N, C-alpha and C. Protein backbone atom coordinates (compact mmCIF):
# COMPACT_ATOMS: atom_id res chain seq x y z
N MET A 1 -21.58 44.98 -46.82
CA MET A 1 -22.13 44.38 -48.01
C MET A 1 -23.39 45.13 -48.41
N LYS A 2 -23.51 45.45 -49.68
CA LYS A 2 -24.68 46.18 -50.17
C LYS A 2 -25.85 45.23 -50.40
N ASP A 3 -27.03 45.80 -50.27
CA ASP A 3 -28.25 45.05 -50.58
C ASP A 3 -28.38 44.95 -52.10
N ILE A 4 -28.88 43.83 -52.58
CA ILE A 4 -29.03 43.63 -54.02
C ILE A 4 -29.94 44.68 -54.64
N ASN A 5 -30.90 45.19 -53.87
CA ASN A 5 -31.83 46.18 -54.39
C ASN A 5 -31.17 47.55 -54.58
N ASP A 6 -30.02 47.77 -53.95
CA ASP A 6 -29.26 49.00 -54.16
C ASP A 6 -28.45 48.93 -55.46
N ILE A 7 -28.19 47.72 -55.95
CA ILE A 7 -27.32 47.51 -57.11
C ILE A 7 -28.11 47.28 -58.40
N MET A 8 -29.11 46.42 -58.33
CA MET A 8 -29.87 46.03 -59.52
C MET A 8 -30.79 47.16 -59.97
N PRO A 9 -31.07 47.23 -61.28
CA PRO A 9 -31.90 48.32 -61.80
C PRO A 9 -33.37 48.19 -61.38
N LYS A 10 -34.01 49.31 -61.28
CA LYS A 10 -35.45 49.33 -61.01
C LYS A 10 -36.18 49.19 -62.35
N VAL A 11 -37.03 48.19 -62.46
CA VAL A 11 -37.77 47.92 -63.70
C VAL A 11 -39.23 48.30 -63.47
N PRO A 12 -39.78 49.18 -64.30
CA PRO A 12 -41.18 49.58 -64.11
C PRO A 12 -42.12 48.37 -64.22
N ASN A 13 -43.11 48.34 -63.35
CA ASN A 13 -44.15 47.30 -63.33
C ASN A 13 -43.61 45.89 -63.09
N MET A 14 -42.43 45.75 -62.50
CA MET A 14 -41.86 44.44 -62.20
C MET A 14 -42.47 43.91 -60.91
N LYS A 15 -42.97 42.66 -60.93
CA LYS A 15 -43.52 42.06 -59.72
C LYS A 15 -42.39 41.72 -58.75
N TRP A 16 -41.37 41.07 -59.22
CA TRP A 16 -40.18 40.73 -58.45
C TRP A 16 -39.10 40.36 -59.44
N GLY A 17 -37.86 40.29 -58.99
CA GLY A 17 -36.76 39.87 -59.84
C GLY A 17 -35.88 38.91 -59.07
N ALA A 18 -35.16 38.07 -59.79
CA ALA A 18 -34.29 37.09 -59.14
C ALA A 18 -32.97 37.00 -59.88
N LEU A 19 -31.89 37.11 -59.14
CA LEU A 19 -30.54 36.87 -59.65
C LEU A 19 -30.23 35.42 -59.32
N MET A 20 -30.07 34.59 -60.38
CA MET A 20 -29.94 33.15 -60.18
C MET A 20 -28.63 32.64 -60.79
N ASN A 21 -28.16 31.50 -60.29
CA ASN A 21 -26.97 30.88 -60.85
C ASN A 21 -27.30 29.83 -61.91
N THR A 22 -28.58 29.54 -62.10
CA THR A 22 -29.03 28.61 -63.15
C THR A 22 -30.24 29.23 -63.85
N PRO A 23 -30.43 28.93 -65.13
CA PRO A 23 -31.61 29.47 -65.81
C PRO A 23 -32.89 28.87 -65.22
N PRO A 24 -33.92 29.69 -65.03
CA PRO A 24 -35.16 29.17 -64.43
C PRO A 24 -36.02 28.41 -65.43
N THR A 25 -36.70 27.41 -64.93
CA THR A 25 -37.69 26.70 -65.75
C THR A 25 -39.06 27.33 -65.48
N ASN A 26 -40.03 26.99 -66.27
CA ASN A 26 -41.38 27.51 -66.05
C ASN A 26 -41.92 27.12 -64.67
N ASP A 27 -41.62 25.89 -64.24
CA ASP A 27 -42.07 25.43 -62.92
C ASP A 27 -41.43 26.25 -61.81
N LYS A 28 -40.15 26.57 -61.95
CA LYS A 28 -39.46 27.37 -60.94
C LYS A 28 -40.04 28.78 -60.86
N VAL A 29 -40.36 29.37 -62.01
CA VAL A 29 -40.95 30.71 -62.03
C VAL A 29 -42.31 30.69 -61.33
N GLU A 30 -43.12 29.67 -61.59
CA GLU A 30 -44.41 29.55 -60.92
C GLU A 30 -44.24 29.40 -59.41
N GLU A 31 -43.24 28.62 -59.00
CA GLU A 31 -42.97 28.43 -57.57
C GLU A 31 -42.51 29.75 -56.93
N MET A 32 -41.64 30.49 -57.63
CA MET A 32 -41.16 31.77 -57.10
C MET A 32 -42.28 32.81 -57.06
N ASN A 33 -43.25 32.72 -57.98
CA ASN A 33 -44.41 33.61 -57.93
C ASN A 33 -45.17 33.43 -56.62
N LYS A 34 -45.20 32.20 -56.09
CA LYS A 34 -45.88 31.93 -54.83
C LYS A 34 -45.06 32.40 -53.63
N ILE A 35 -43.73 32.37 -53.76
CA ILE A 35 -42.85 32.70 -52.63
C ILE A 35 -42.66 34.21 -52.48
N PHE A 36 -42.36 34.90 -53.58
CA PHE A 36 -41.98 36.31 -53.51
C PHE A 36 -43.19 37.23 -53.61
N PRO A 37 -43.23 38.28 -52.78
CA PRO A 37 -44.32 39.25 -52.88
C PRO A 37 -44.17 40.11 -54.12
N SER A 38 -45.24 40.69 -54.57
CA SER A 38 -45.23 41.54 -55.76
C SER A 38 -44.89 42.98 -55.37
N ASN A 39 -43.65 43.18 -54.90
CA ASN A 39 -43.25 44.50 -54.45
C ASN A 39 -42.12 45.10 -55.28
N GLY A 40 -41.74 44.44 -56.38
CA GLY A 40 -40.71 44.97 -57.26
C GLY A 40 -39.29 44.82 -56.76
N LYS A 41 -39.07 44.00 -55.73
CA LYS A 41 -37.72 43.81 -55.19
C LYS A 41 -37.01 42.64 -55.85
N TRP A 42 -35.67 42.73 -55.83
CA TRP A 42 -34.81 41.68 -56.36
C TRP A 42 -34.48 40.69 -55.25
N HIS A 43 -34.26 39.43 -55.63
CA HIS A 43 -33.89 38.37 -54.69
C HIS A 43 -32.74 37.57 -55.29
N THR A 44 -31.93 36.98 -54.43
CA THR A 44 -30.85 36.10 -54.89
C THR A 44 -31.30 34.66 -54.67
N VAL A 45 -31.13 33.84 -55.71
CA VAL A 45 -31.51 32.43 -55.65
C VAL A 45 -30.35 31.62 -56.21
N PHE A 46 -29.65 30.90 -55.33
CA PHE A 46 -28.53 30.07 -55.75
C PHE A 46 -28.88 28.61 -55.47
N GLU A 47 -28.94 27.83 -56.54
CA GLU A 47 -29.34 26.43 -56.42
C GLU A 47 -28.11 25.53 -56.53
N GLU A 48 -27.97 24.64 -55.56
CA GLU A 48 -26.92 23.64 -55.57
C GLU A 48 -27.57 22.27 -55.58
N GLN A 49 -26.76 21.23 -55.55
CA GLN A 49 -27.30 19.87 -55.68
C GLN A 49 -28.23 19.52 -54.52
N ASP A 50 -27.85 19.86 -53.28
CA ASP A 50 -28.65 19.43 -52.15
C ASP A 50 -29.31 20.57 -51.37
N LEU A 51 -29.13 21.84 -51.83
CA LEU A 51 -29.80 22.93 -51.15
C LEU A 51 -30.00 24.12 -52.07
N ILE A 52 -30.91 24.99 -51.69
CA ILE A 52 -31.18 26.24 -52.40
C ILE A 52 -30.99 27.35 -51.38
N THR A 53 -30.28 28.41 -51.78
CA THR A 53 -30.10 29.56 -50.92
C THR A 53 -30.90 30.72 -51.51
N ILE A 54 -31.88 31.18 -50.76
CA ILE A 54 -32.74 32.30 -51.19
C ILE A 54 -32.52 33.45 -50.22
N ASP A 55 -32.00 34.55 -50.74
CA ASP A 55 -31.72 35.74 -49.93
C ASP A 55 -30.91 35.40 -48.68
N GLY A 56 -29.94 34.51 -48.82
CA GLY A 56 -29.05 34.16 -47.71
C GLY A 56 -29.58 33.09 -46.78
N LYS A 57 -30.79 32.61 -46.99
CA LYS A 57 -31.37 31.56 -46.15
C LYS A 57 -31.28 30.23 -46.88
N GLU A 58 -30.70 29.23 -46.21
CA GLU A 58 -30.52 27.91 -46.83
C GLU A 58 -31.77 27.06 -46.65
N ILE A 59 -32.19 26.44 -47.74
CA ILE A 59 -33.31 25.51 -47.73
C ILE A 59 -32.80 24.20 -48.31
N ARG A 60 -32.82 23.17 -47.49
CA ARG A 60 -32.30 21.87 -47.92
C ARG A 60 -33.34 21.16 -48.78
N LYS A 61 -32.85 20.53 -49.86
CA LYS A 61 -33.71 19.70 -50.71
C LYS A 61 -33.77 18.31 -50.10
N LYS A 62 -34.96 17.79 -49.94
CA LYS A 62 -35.11 16.44 -49.43
C LYS A 62 -36.12 15.70 -50.28
N ASP A 63 -35.88 14.43 -50.43
CA ASP A 63 -36.78 13.57 -51.19
C ASP A 63 -38.01 13.26 -50.34
N PRO A 64 -39.21 13.64 -50.78
CA PRO A 64 -40.43 13.39 -49.97
C PRO A 64 -40.64 11.91 -49.66
N ASN A 65 -40.11 11.01 -50.48
CA ASN A 65 -40.27 9.57 -50.21
C ASN A 65 -39.46 9.13 -49.01
N LYS A 66 -38.47 9.92 -48.58
CA LYS A 66 -37.64 9.56 -47.44
C LYS A 66 -38.08 10.23 -46.15
N TRP A 67 -39.15 11.04 -46.22
CA TRP A 67 -39.64 11.70 -45.01
C TRP A 67 -40.23 10.65 -44.08
N THR A 68 -40.15 10.89 -42.78
CA THR A 68 -40.72 9.95 -41.81
C THR A 68 -42.08 10.41 -41.35
């Protein structure tokens, strides 16, 4: 399997890029600005109902009100 950075175009002065399955909101872009380093690399972000997969790593969504 090829790395996404081998396939996606190099964009001059790009902080980071994301290939997503849903259009990003302003809040999501701000959150991704905190997560991704400013190195010009592409990332995959697939959002489902109960989890988000970022670069192949699954992150489960949980309601903070249900935390113990």
